[in-house]
Amino acid sequence: MCLRMHEPRTIIRIFRYYSSGASMKSATFIFDRRLYEILQEDGRTRFTIRELRDAYAKRLDGITFRIGDVRRYVYEHIRRMIRIGWLVYDEERRARGQVYHLRPMPAHLQPELIDNGFENSLKTALQPERLRSPSESAAVTLKPSPDVDKHLEALHKEIRLDFLSAMGEAERYKLLLDDMPHLRDKVEGEYLDARDRSSRLLGHLRAIEKTLKTLATAR
């Protein structure tokens, strides 16, 4: 798997400050622009995955897609939001139709909104990797810089946490299915989603690790 580069995008950076005047060190949080705009809609403080999926799908005008791919894409963002405390589960936990509550974004996070995130995720999953010829590889000039390293290291940390979370989720679903087989028709889909997600994240993690190693060697 090759490292996927973001398409040209407009970046919105939001800084928050404490009343004392001293700012807290911010951390970049990469997030889908469409989803961010949906979450800013009036009344969008309580929702299910299905509701958020349907709202996102309505914004994909002119794009051919499978609703299952939209669900997985939205669900990955929900998992990341829960991990940072931007989203919480409803007090009533459900196997299906789980309700989530939106909370204020943590003050130390600096959103980096990306365009065409869903489309790019499909390209990564569907397009086979094209091997470079020796002449093409020789023509590529790597220009490592502190900013590139910093961005890749932050991305590596974020993806690693997502990977561990997805892997743990898949393991727990597997244990539930082993202990309570009668739940298979209700949670097997969630187990398969978590397992597939952890596999994809592992691929992303390895790609970034190899890129960091390549940049270090090029110095």
C-alpha atoms as a PDB file:
ATOM      1  CA  MET A   1       0.000   0.000   0.000  1.00  0.00           C
ATOM      2  CA  CYS A   2       1.341   3.428  -0.872  1.00  0.00           C
ATOM      3  CA  LEU A   3       1.024   6.572   1.219  1.00  0.00           C
ATOM      4  CA  ARG A   4      -2.064   8.468   0.127  1.00  0.00           C
ATOM      5  CA  MET A   5      -1.511  12.176  -0.313  1.00  0.00           C
ATOM      6  CA  HIS A   6      -4.366  14.583   0.384  1.00  0.00           C
ATOM      7  CA  GLU A   7      -5.724  16.525  -2.554  1.00  0.00           C
ATOM      8  CA  PRO A   8      -5.261  20.336  -2.457  1.00  0.00           C
ATOM      9  CA  ARG A   9      -7.439  21.634   0.282  1.00  0.00           C
ATOM     10  CA  THR A  10      -8.376  24.655   2.251  1.00  0.00           C
ATOM     11  CA  ILE A  11      -7.346  24.332   5.868  1.00  0.00           C
ATOM     12  CA  ILE A  12      -9.350  25.932   8.636  1.00  0.00           C
ATOM     13  CA  ARG A  13      -7.387  26.310  11.812  1.00  0.00           C
ATOM     14  CA  ILE A  14      -9.278  27.191  14.953  1.00  0.00           C
ATOM     15  CA  PHE A  15      -7.333  28.430  17.970  1.00  0.00           C
ATOM     16  CA  ARG A  16      -8.773  28.559  21.464  1.00  0.00           C
ATOM     17  CA  TYR A  17      -7.292  30.467  24.373  1.00  0.00           C
ATOM     18  CA  TYR A  18      -7.770  30.407  28.087  1.00  0.00           C
ATOM     19  CA  SER A  19      -9.059  33.555  29.750  1.00  0.00           C
ATOM     20  CA  SER A  20      -5.707  33.963  31.486  1.00  0.00           C
ATOM     21  CA  GLY A  21      -4.184  34.753  28.091  1.00  0.00           C
ATOM     22  CA  ALA A  22      -1.901  31.710  27.971  1.00  0.00           C
ATOM     23  CA  SER A  23      -2.649  29.316  25.137  1.00  0.00           C
ATOM     24  CA  MET A  24      -2.539  25.568  25.438  1.00  0.00           C
ATOM     25  CA  LYS A  25      -0.382  23.696  22.962  1.00  0.00           C
ATOM     26  CA  SER A  26      -2.698  22.619  20.143  1.00  0.00           C
ATOM     27  CA  ALA A  27      -2.845  19.266  18.385  1.00  0.00           C
ATOM     28  CA  THR A  28      -3.942  18.798  14.784  1.00  0.00           C
ATOM     29  CA  PHE A  29      -7.088  16.720  14.297  1.00  0.00           C
ATOM     30  CA  ILE A  30      -7.742  15.754  10.656  1.00  0.00           C
ATOM     31  CA  PHE A  31     -11.483  15.693   9.959  1.00  0.00           C
ATOM     32  CA  ASP A  32     -13.840  15.467   7.000  1.00  0.00           C
ATOM     33  CA  ARG A  33     -15.244  18.860   5.944  1.00  0.00           C
ATOM     34  CA  ARG A  34     -18.685  17.530   4.969  1.00  0.00           C
ATOM     35  CA  LEU A  35     -19.098  15.772   8.288  1.00  0.00           C
ATOM     36  CA  TYR A  36     -17.919  18.839  10.176  1.00  0.00           C
ATOM     37  CA  GLU A  37     -20.540  20.983   8.435  1.00  0.00           C
ATOM     38  CA  ILE A  38     -23.246  18.430   9.232  1.00  0.00           C
ATOM     39  CA  LEU A  39     -22.309  18.516  12.906  1.00  0.00           C
ATOM     40  CA  GLN A  40     -22.677  22.318  12.901  1.00  0.00           C
ATOM     41  CA  GLU A  41     -26.332  22.101  11.837  1.00  0.00           C
ATOM     42  CA  ASP A  42     -28.955  23.225  14.348  1.00  0.00           C
ATOM     43  CA  GLY A  43     -30.193  20.385  16.512  1.00  0.00           C
ATOM     44  CA  ARG A  44     -27.372  18.052  15.486  1.00  0.00           C
ATOM     45  CA  THR A  45     -26.337  17.261  19.062  1.00  0.00           C
ATOM     46  CA  ARG A  46     -27.933  13.829  19.323  1.00  0.00           C
ATOM     47  CA  PHE A  47     -27.873  11.216  16.559  1.00  0.00           C
ATOM     48  CA  THR A  48     -27.337   7.605  15.544  1.00  0.00           C
ATOM     49  CA  ILE A  49     -24.858   6.246  13.005  1.00  0.00           C
ATOM     50  CA  ARG A  50     -27.724   5.723  10.548  1.00  0.00           C
ATOM     51  CA  GLU A  51     -28.872   9.351  10.858  1.00  0.00           C
ATOM     52  CA  LEU A  52     -25.355  10.683  10.362  1.00  0.00           C
ATOM     53  CA  ARG A  53     -24.770   8.262   7.486  1.00  0.00           C
ATOM     54  CA  ASP A  54     -27.937   9.370   5.698  1.00  0.00           C
ATOM     55  CA  ALA A  55     -27.109  13.059   6.205  1.00  0.00           C
ATOM     56  CA  TYR A  56     -23.633  12.469   4.766  1.00  0.00           C
ATOM     57  CA  ALA A  57     -24.960  10.473   1.812  1.00  0.00           C
ATOM     58  CA  LYS A  58     -27.229  13.379   0.833  1.00  0.00           C
ATOM     59  CA  ARG A  59     -24.132  15.507   0.303  1.00  0.00           C
ATOM     60  CA  LEU A  60     -22.587  13.068  -2.175  1.00  0.00           C
ATOM     61  CA  ASP A  61     -24.377  14.484  -5.214  1.00  0.00           C
ATOM     62  CA  GLY A  62     -23.078  13.081  -8.501  1.00  0.00           C
ATOM     63  CA  ILE A  63     -21.005  10.391  -6.785  1.00  0.00           C
ATOM     64  CA  THR A  64     -21.629   6.670  -7.182  1.00  0.00           C
ATOM     65  CA  PHE A  65     -21.268   4.932  -3.841  1.00  0.00           C
ATOM     66  CA  ARG A  66     -22.425   2.022  -1.716  1.00  0.00           C
ATOM     67  CA  ILE A  67     -24.275   2.953   1.455  1.00  0.00           C
ATOM     68  CA  GLY A  68     -22.184   0.410   3.371  1.00  0.00           C
ATOM     69  CA  ASP A  69     -19.009   2.292   2.439  1.00  0.00           C
ATOM     70  CA  VAL A  70     -20.556   5.540   3.691  1.00  0.00           C
ATOM     71  CA  ARG A  71     -21.482   3.884   6.963  1.00  0.00           C
ATOM     72  CA  ARG A  72     -17.966   2.552   7.519  1.00  0.00           C
ATOM     73  CA  TYR A  73     -16.452   5.936   6.692  1.00  0.00           C
ATOM     74  CA  VAL A  74     -18.769   7.806   9.078  1.00  0.00           C
ATOM     75  CA  TYR A  75     -18.313   5.174  11.777  1.00  0.00           C
ATOM     76  CA  GLU A  76     -14.524   5.553  11.675  1.00  0.00           C
ATOM     77  CA  HIS A  77     -14.935   9.277  12.334  1.00  0.00           C
ATOM     78  CA  ILE A  78     -17.341   8.560  15.186  1.00  0.00           C
ATOM     79  CA  ARG A  79     -14.802   6.225  16.798  1.00  0.00           C
ATOM     80  CA  ARG A  80     -12.129   8.919  16.598  1.00  0.00           C
ATOM     81  CA  MET A  81     -14.500  11.518  18.062  1.00  0.00           C
ATOM     82  CA  ILE A  82     -15.303   9.234  20.995  1.00  0.00           C
ATOM     83  CA  ARG A  83     -11.633   8.617  21.674  1.00  0.00           C
ATOM     84  CA  ILE A  84     -10.875  12.339  22.037  1.00  0.00           C
ATOM     85  CA  GLY A  85     -14.018  13.116  24.031  1.00  0.00           C
ATOM     86  CA  TRP A  86     -15.838  15.079  21.333  1.00  0.00           C
ATOM     87  CA  LEU A  87     -18.631  12.503  21.269  1.00  0.00           C
ATOM     88  CA  VAL A  88     -20.090  10.314  24.032  1.00  0.00           C
ATOM     89  CA  TYR A  89     -22.406   7.325  24.152  1.00  0.00           C
ATOM     90  CA  ASP A  90     -25.957   7.735  25.371  1.00  0.00           C
ATOM     91  CA  GLU A  91     -26.529   6.294  28.838  1.00  0.00           C
ATOM     92  CA  GLU A  92     -28.576   3.514  27.259  1.00  0.00           C
ATOM     93  CA  ARG A  93     -26.185   1.238  25.394  1.00  0.00           C
ATOM     94  CA  ARG A  94     -27.690  -0.637  22.467  1.00  0.00           C
ATOM     95  CA  ALA A  95     -26.471  -3.302  20.044  1.00  0.00           C
ATOM     96  CA  ARG A  96     -28.334  -1.502  17.246  1.00  0.00           C
ATOM     97  CA  GLY A  97     -29.378   2.114  16.914  1.00  0.00           C
ATOM     98  CA  GLN A  98     -26.868   3.396  19.449  1.00  0.00           C
ATOM     99  CA  VAL A  99     -27.430   7.071  20.258  1.00  0.00           C
ATOM    100  CA  TYR A 100     -24.471   9.460  20.539  1.00  0.00           C
ATOM    101  CA  HIS A 101     -24.259  12.937  22.047  1.00  0.00           C
ATOM    102  CA  LEU A 102     -22.072  15.686  20.646  1.00  0.00           C
ATOM    103  CA  ARG A 103     -19.952  17.634  23.113  1.00  0.00           C
ATOM    104  CA  PRO A 104     -17.793  20.745  22.622  1.00  0.00           C
ATOM    105  CA  MET A 105     -14.567  19.994  20.800  1.00  0.00           C
ATOM    106  CA  PRO A 106     -11.660  19.676  23.270  1.00  0.00           C
ATOM    107  CA  ALA A 107      -9.937  23.054  23.593  1.00  0.00           C
ATOM    108  CA  HIS A 108      -6.458  21.750  22.699  1.00  0.00           C
ATOM    109  CA  LEU A 109      -7.524  20.374  19.305  1.00  0.00           C
ATOM    110  CA  GLN A 110      -6.927  22.265  16.076  1.00  0.00           C
ATOM    111  CA  PRO A 111      -9.232  20.913  13.325  1.00  0.00           C
ATOM    112  CA  GLU A 112      -7.744  20.420   9.869  1.00  0.00           C
ATOM    113  CA  LEU A 113     -10.682  19.998   7.504  1.00  0.00           C
ATOM    114  CA  ILE A 114     -10.144  17.957   4.340  1.00  0.00           C
ATOM    115  CA  ASP A 115     -12.196  17.941   1.154  1.00  0.00           C
ATOM    116  CA  ASN A 116     -13.228  14.773  -0.718  1.00  0.00           C
ATOM    117  CA  GLY A 117     -12.278  12.556   2.201  1.00  0.00           C
ATOM    118  CA  PHE A 118     -14.838   9.886   1.342  1.00  0.00           C
ATOM    119  CA  GLU A 119     -13.828   9.804  -2.324  1.00  0.00           C
ATOM    120  CA  ASN A 120     -10.172   9.476  -1.393  1.00  0.00           C
ATOM    121  CA  SER A 121     -10.958   6.606   0.973  1.00  0.00           C
ATOM    122  CA  LEU A 122     -12.589   4.752  -1.916  1.00  0.00           C
ATOM    123  CA  LYS A 123      -9.595   5.361  -4.170  1.00  0.00           C
ATOM    124  CA  THR A 124      -7.275   3.928  -1.541  1.00  0.00           C
ATOM    125  CA  ALA A 125      -9.444   0.832  -1.112  1.00  0.00           C
ATOM    126  CA  LEU A 126     -10.212   0.171  -4.783  1.00  0.00           C
ATOM    127  CA  GLN A 127      -7.227   1.285  -6.828  1.00  0.00           C
ATOM    128  CA  PRO A 128      -4.357  -1.221  -7.005  1.00  0.00           C
ATOM    129  CA  GLU A 129      -0.915   0.040  -6.205  1.00  0.00           C
ATOM    130  CA  ARG A 130       1.134   0.826  -9.322  1.00  0.00           C
ATOM    131  CA  LEU A 131       4.748  -0.216  -9.009  1.00  0.00           C
ATOM    132  CA  ARG A 132       7.314   2.372 -10.047  1.00  0.00           C
ATOM    133  CA  SER A 133       9.891   1.472 -12.628  1.00  0.00           C
ATOM    134  CA  PRO A 134      13.560   1.903 -11.643  1.00  0.00           C
ATOM    135  CA  SER A 135      13.765   5.028 -13.796  1.00  0.00           C
ATOM    136  CA  GLU A 136      10.708   6.546 -12.112  1.00  0.00           C
ATOM    137  CA  SER A 137      12.074   5.784  -8.662  1.00  0.00           C
ATOM    138  CA  ALA A 138      15.357   7.411  -9.526  1.00  0.00           C
ATOM    139  CA  ALA A 139      13.546  10.510 -10.775  1.00  0.00           C
ATOM    140  CA  VAL A 140      11.752  11.054  -7.464  1.00  0.00           C
ATOM    141  CA  THR A 141      13.547  13.579  -5.300  1.00  0.00           C
ATOM    142  CA  LEU A 142      12.765  13.433  -1.606  1.00  0.00           C
ATOM    143  CA  LYS A 143      12.897  16.736   0.209  1.00  0.00           C
ATOM    144  CA  PRO A 144      12.542  15.945   3.893  1.00  0.00           C
ATOM    145  CA  SER A 145      11.817  18.826   6.215  1.00  0.00           C
ATOM    146  CA  PRO A 146      10.994  19.247   9.917  1.00  0.00           C
ATOM    147  CA  ASP A 147       7.404  20.141   9.016  1.00  0.00           C
ATOM    148  CA  VAL A 148       6.950  16.942   6.999  1.00  0.00           C
ATOM    149  CA  ASP A 149       8.434  14.822   9.775  1.00  0.00           C
ATOM    150  CA  LYS A 150       6.265  16.489  12.390  1.00  0.00           C
ATOM    151  CA  HIS A 151       3.097  15.951  10.359  1.00  0.00           C
ATOM    152  CA  LEU A 152       3.925  12.300   9.633  1.00  0.00           C
ATOM    153  CA  GLU A 153       4.773  11.574  13.255  1.00  0.00           C
ATOM    154  CA  ALA A 154       1.509  13.137  14.437  1.00  0.00           C
ATOM    155  CA  LEU A 155      -0.389  11.149  11.816  1.00  0.00           C
ATOM    156  CA  HIS A 156       1.438   7.972  12.842  1.00  0.00           C
ATOM    157  CA  LYS A 157       0.457   8.475  16.487  1.00  0.00           C
ATOM    158  CA  GLU A 158      -3.177   9.123  15.601  1.00  0.00           C
ATOM    159  CA  ILE A 159      -3.453   6.113  13.280  1.00  0.00           C
ATOM    160  CA  ARG A 160      -1.719   3.856  15.803  1.00  0.00           C
ATOM    161  CA  LEU A 161      -4.287   4.749  18.475  1.00  0.00           C
ATOM    162  CA  ASP A 162      -7.113   4.177  15.994  1.00  0.00           C
ATOM    163  CA  PHE A 163      -5.595   0.820  15.040  1.00  0.00           C
ATOM    164  CA  LEU A 164      -5.305  -0.341  18.656  1.00  0.00           C
ATOM    165  CA  SER A 165      -8.868   0.785  19.325  1.00  0.00           C
ATOM    166  CA  ALA A 166     -10.229  -1.073  16.281  1.00  0.00           C
ATOM    167  CA  MET A 167      -8.227  -4.191  17.100  1.00  0.00           C
ATOM    168  CA  GLY A 168      -9.495  -4.170  20.682  1.00  0.00           C
ATOM    169  CA  GLU A 169     -13.048  -3.684  19.486  1.00  0.00           C
ATOM    170  CA  ALA A 170     -12.749  -6.640  17.099  1.00  0.00           C
ATOM    171  CA  GLU A 171     -11.309  -8.836  19.848  1.00  0.00           C
ATOM    172  CA  ARG A 172     -14.157  -7.963  22.210  1.00  0.00           C
ATOM    173  CA  TYR A 173     -16.825  -8.690  19.576  1.00  0.00           C
ATOM    174  CA  LYS A 174     -15.125 -12.040  18.891  1.00  0.00           C
ATOM    175  CA  LEU A 175     -15.261 -12.922  22.587  1.00  0.00           C
ATOM    176  CA  LEU A 176     -18.914 -11.918  22.752  1.00  0.00           C
ATOM    177  CA  LEU A 177     -19.717 -14.117  19.759  1.00  0.00           C
ATOM    178  CA  ASP A 178     -17.833 -17.041  21.296  1.00  0.00           C
ATOM    179  CA  ASP A 179     -19.553 -16.655  24.682  1.00  0.00           C
ATOM    180  CA  MET A 180     -23.023 -15.769  23.374  1.00  0.00           C
ATOM    181  CA  PRO A 181     -23.571 -17.299  19.915  1.00  0.00           C
ATOM    182  CA  HIS A 182     -27.237 -16.230  19.945  1.00  0.00           C
ATOM    183  CA  LEU A 183     -26.056 -12.628  19.428  1.00  0.00           C
ATOM    184  CA  ARG A 184     -24.404 -13.450  16.115  1.00  0.00           C
ATOM    185  CA  ASP A 185     -27.161 -12.008  13.918  1.00  0.00           C
ATOM    186  CA  LYS A 186     -27.042  -8.739  15.910  1.00  0.00           C
ATOM    187  CA  VAL A 187     -23.331  -8.041  16.329  1.00  0.00           C
ATOM    188  CA  GLU A 188     -21.513 -10.050  13.659  1.00  0.00           C
ATOM    189  CA  GLY A 189     -21.698  -7.091  11.252  1.00  0.00           C
ATOM    190  CA  GLU A 190     -20.051  -4.837  13.835  1.00  0.00           C
ATOM    191  CA  TYR A 191     -17.333  -7.442  14.401  1.00  0.00           C
ATOM    192  CA  LEU A 192     -16.569  -7.686  10.688  1.00  0.00           C
ATOM    193  CA  ASP A 193     -16.469  -3.880  10.368  1.00  0.00           C
ATOM    194  CA  ALA A 194     -14.034  -3.596  13.276  1.00  0.00           C
ATOM    195  CA  ARG A 195     -11.837  -6.366  11.884  1.00  0.00           C
ATOM    196  CA  ASP A 196     -11.729  -4.817   8.404  1.00  0.00           C
ATOM    197  CA  ARG A 197     -11.043  -1.387   9.871  1.00  0.00           C
ATOM    198  CA  SER A 198      -8.113  -2.663  11.933  1.00  0.00           C
ATOM    199  CA  SER A 199      -6.629  -4.324   8.832  1.00  0.00           C
ATOM    200  CA  ARG A 200      -6.842  -1.109   6.802  1.00  0.00           C
ATOM    201  CA  LEU A 201      -5.367   0.954   9.626  1.00  0.00           C
ATOM    202  CA  LEU A 202      -2.475  -1.475   9.940  1.00  0.00           C
ATOM    203  CA  GLY A 203      -1.738  -0.910   6.255  1.00  0.00           C
ATOM    204  CA  HIS A 204      -1.784   2.869   6.741  1.00  0.00           C
ATOM    205  CA  LEU A 205       0.470   2.510   9.781  1.00  0.00           C
ATOM    206  CA  ARG A 206       3.052   0.468   7.891  1.00  0.00           C
ATOM    207  CA  ALA A 207       3.011   2.916   4.969  1.00  0.00           C
ATOM    208  CA  ILE A 208       3.775   5.869   7.240  1.00  0.00           C
ATOM    209  CA  GLU A 209       6.484   3.946   9.080  1.00  0.00           C
ATOM    210  CA  LYS A 210       8.164   3.055   5.787  1.00  0.00           C
ATOM    211  CA  THR A 211       7.912   6.667   4.621  1.00  0.00           C
ATOM    212  CA  LEU A 212       9.522   7.972   7.808  1.00  0.00           C
ATOM    213  CA  LYS A 213      12.309   5.421   7.392  1.00  0.00           C
ATOM    214  CA  THR A 214      12.805   6.436   3.762  1.00  0.00           C
ATOM    215  CA  LEU A 215      13.013  10.124   4.684  1.00  0.00           C
ATOM    216  CA  ALA A 216      15.524   9.381   7.429  1.00  0.00           C
ATOM    217  CA  THR A 217      17.687   7.403   4.979  1.00  0.00           C
ATOM    218  CA  ALA A 218      17.572  10.206   2.417  1.00  0.00           C
ATOM    219  CA  ARG A 219      19.230  12.687   4.795  1.00  0.00           C
END
